Amino acid sequence: MTEETTENETEQSDCRRRTRGRRLPRGRVTVFPNWCKGCNLCVEFCPLGVLEQGDDGRVIVAHPEKCTACRWCELHCPDFAIFVSDAEPTDQDGDTSHPEASEEETL
């Protein structure tokens, strides 16, 4: 029984490692400031705190690296002032401007 237990524990730890290494979906948020009236709905609906209200009352993208492209902000904006596009994650400090394919993606 101890061999079976050891095999189970090994399988569970392998599974945990794969889950931790899995890449989350990423998004790129664009706010059109001339369309934004500063209602703050997108800030309230964002589950990860990507958006914040700026000093002028309009919305800014404060934490773009946190965006998972859930599109809650885009869907709830009454003025269509927010656009979310899909972005591929990279290994370099959350920068999505130049996505690079990893070995796993190219195989």
Protein backbone atom coordinates (compact mmCIF):
# COMPACT_ATOMS: atom_id res chain seq x y z
CA MET A 1 0.00 0.00 0.00
CA THR A 2 2.85 2.41 0.59
CA GLU A 3 3.97 2.13 -3.04
CA GLU A 4 0.46 3.04 -4.22
CA THR A 5 0.34 5.97 -1.83
CA THR A 6 3.70 7.23 -3.06
CA GLU A 7 2.58 6.95 -6.70
CA ASN A 8 -0.62 8.86 -5.90
CA GLU A 9 1.30 11.62 -4.15
CA THR A 10 3.68 11.90 -7.11
CA GLU A 11 0.77 12.15 -9.57
CA GLN A 12 -0.90 14.85 -7.45
CA SER A 13 2.26 16.95 -7.20
CA ASP A 14 2.79 16.63 -10.99
CA CYS A 15 -0.77 17.80 -11.55
CA ARG A 16 -0.25 20.79 -9.23
CA ARG A 17 2.91 21.80 -11.10
CA ARG A 18 1.12 21.68 -14.46
CA THR A 19 -1.74 23.81 -13.11
CA ARG A 20 0.66 26.42 -11.73
CA GLY A 21 2.52 26.57 -15.03
CA ARG A 22 -0.64 27.02 -17.09
CA ARG A 23 -0.88 30.39 -18.73
CA LEU A 24 -3.93 32.49 -18.03
CA PRO A 25 -5.70 34.24 -20.89
CA ARG A 26 -4.50 37.79 -21.34
CA GLY A 27 -6.18 40.88 -22.67
CA ARG A 28 -5.27 44.35 -23.80
CA VAL A 29 -7.66 47.08 -22.65
CA THR A 30 -8.10 50.26 -24.66
CA VAL A 31 -10.07 53.16 -23.21
CA PHE A 32 -11.26 55.94 -25.51
CA PRO A 33 -11.07 58.95 -23.17
CA ASN A 34 -13.16 61.25 -25.37
CA TRP A 35 -16.06 58.76 -25.17
CA CYS A 36 -15.76 58.06 -21.43
CA LYS A 37 -18.10 60.05 -19.20
CA GLY A 38 -16.56 58.72 -15.98
CA CYS A 39 -19.54 56.70 -14.75
CA ASN A 40 -17.13 54.23 -13.09
CA LEU A 41 -19.19 51.13 -14.02
CA CYS A 42 -16.21 49.43 -15.65
CA VAL A 43 -14.04 50.03 -12.59
CA GLU A 44 -16.68 48.47 -10.35
CA PHE A 45 -17.21 45.45 -12.60
CA CYS A 46 -13.54 44.62 -13.21
CA PRO A 47 -12.83 41.55 -11.04
CA LEU A 48 -9.05 42.13 -11.02
CA GLY A 49 -8.77 45.89 -10.53
CA VAL A 50 -7.25 46.61 -13.94
CA LEU A 51 -9.07 49.92 -14.26
CA GLU A 52 -9.08 52.96 -11.98
CA GLN A 53 -10.62 56.37 -12.09
CA GLY A 54 -8.06 59.03 -12.98
CA ASP A 55 -7.67 62.52 -11.53
CA ASP A 56 -9.88 63.98 -14.27
CA GLY A 57 -12.69 61.51 -13.43
CA ARG A 58 -12.15 59.41 -16.53
CA VAL A 59 -11.06 55.78 -16.50
CA ILE A 60 -7.44 54.76 -16.94
CA VAL A 61 -5.83 51.34 -17.40
CA ALA A 62 -3.84 51.24 -14.16
CA HIS A 63 -2.78 47.57 -14.11
CA PRO A 64 -2.78 46.17 -17.69
CA GLU A 65 -0.75 43.11 -16.67
CA LYS A 66 -3.70 41.82 -14.61
CA CYS A 67 -6.21 41.73 -17.48
CA THR A 68 -7.55 38.26 -18.34
CA ALA A 69 -9.80 39.45 -21.20
CA CYS A 70 -13.02 38.63 -19.33
CA ARG A 71 -14.59 41.66 -21.07
CA TRP A 72 -16.79 42.64 -18.13
CA CYS A 73 -15.68 46.25 -18.47
CA GLU A 74 -16.37 46.28 -22.20
CA LEU A 75 -19.81 44.71 -21.80
CA HIS A 76 -20.94 47.11 -19.07
CA CYS A 77 -19.70 50.38 -20.55
CA PRO A 78 -22.80 52.35 -21.60
CA ASP A 79 -20.73 54.59 -23.91
CA PHE A 80 -18.72 51.85 -25.70
CA ALA A 81 -15.57 53.65 -24.52
CA ILE A 82 -13.70 50.41 -23.75
CA PHE A 83 -12.36 47.81 -26.12
CA VAL A 84 -10.71 44.57 -24.99
CA SER A 85 -8.62 42.48 -27.36
CA ASP A 86 -6.98 39.12 -26.76
CA ALA A 87 -3.24 39.15 -26.16
CA GLU A 88 -0.84 36.24 -25.85
CA PRO A 89 1.09 36.02 -22.56
CA THR A 90 4.84 36.32 -22.66
CA ASP A 91 7.57 35.36 -20.24
CA GLN A 92 8.97 38.88 -20.01
CA ASP A 93 7.49 40.90 -17.12
CA GLY A 94 3.92 40.70 -18.38
CA ASP A 95 4.77 42.63 -21.58
CA THR A 96 2.28 41.69 -24.29
CA SER A 97 3.55 44.03 -27.00
CA HIS A 98 5.70 41.35 -28.70
CA PRO A 99 4.38 37.86 -27.91
CA GLU A 100 6.87 35.06 -28.45
CA ALA A 101 6.00 31.41 -28.98
CA SER A 102 7.38 29.00 -26.43
CA GLU A 103 8.70 25.55 -27.29
CA GLU A 104 5.42 23.93 -26.20
CA GLU A 105 3.37 26.13 -28.56
CA THR A 106 5.52 25.37 -31.58
CA LEU A 107 5.43 21.57 -31.18
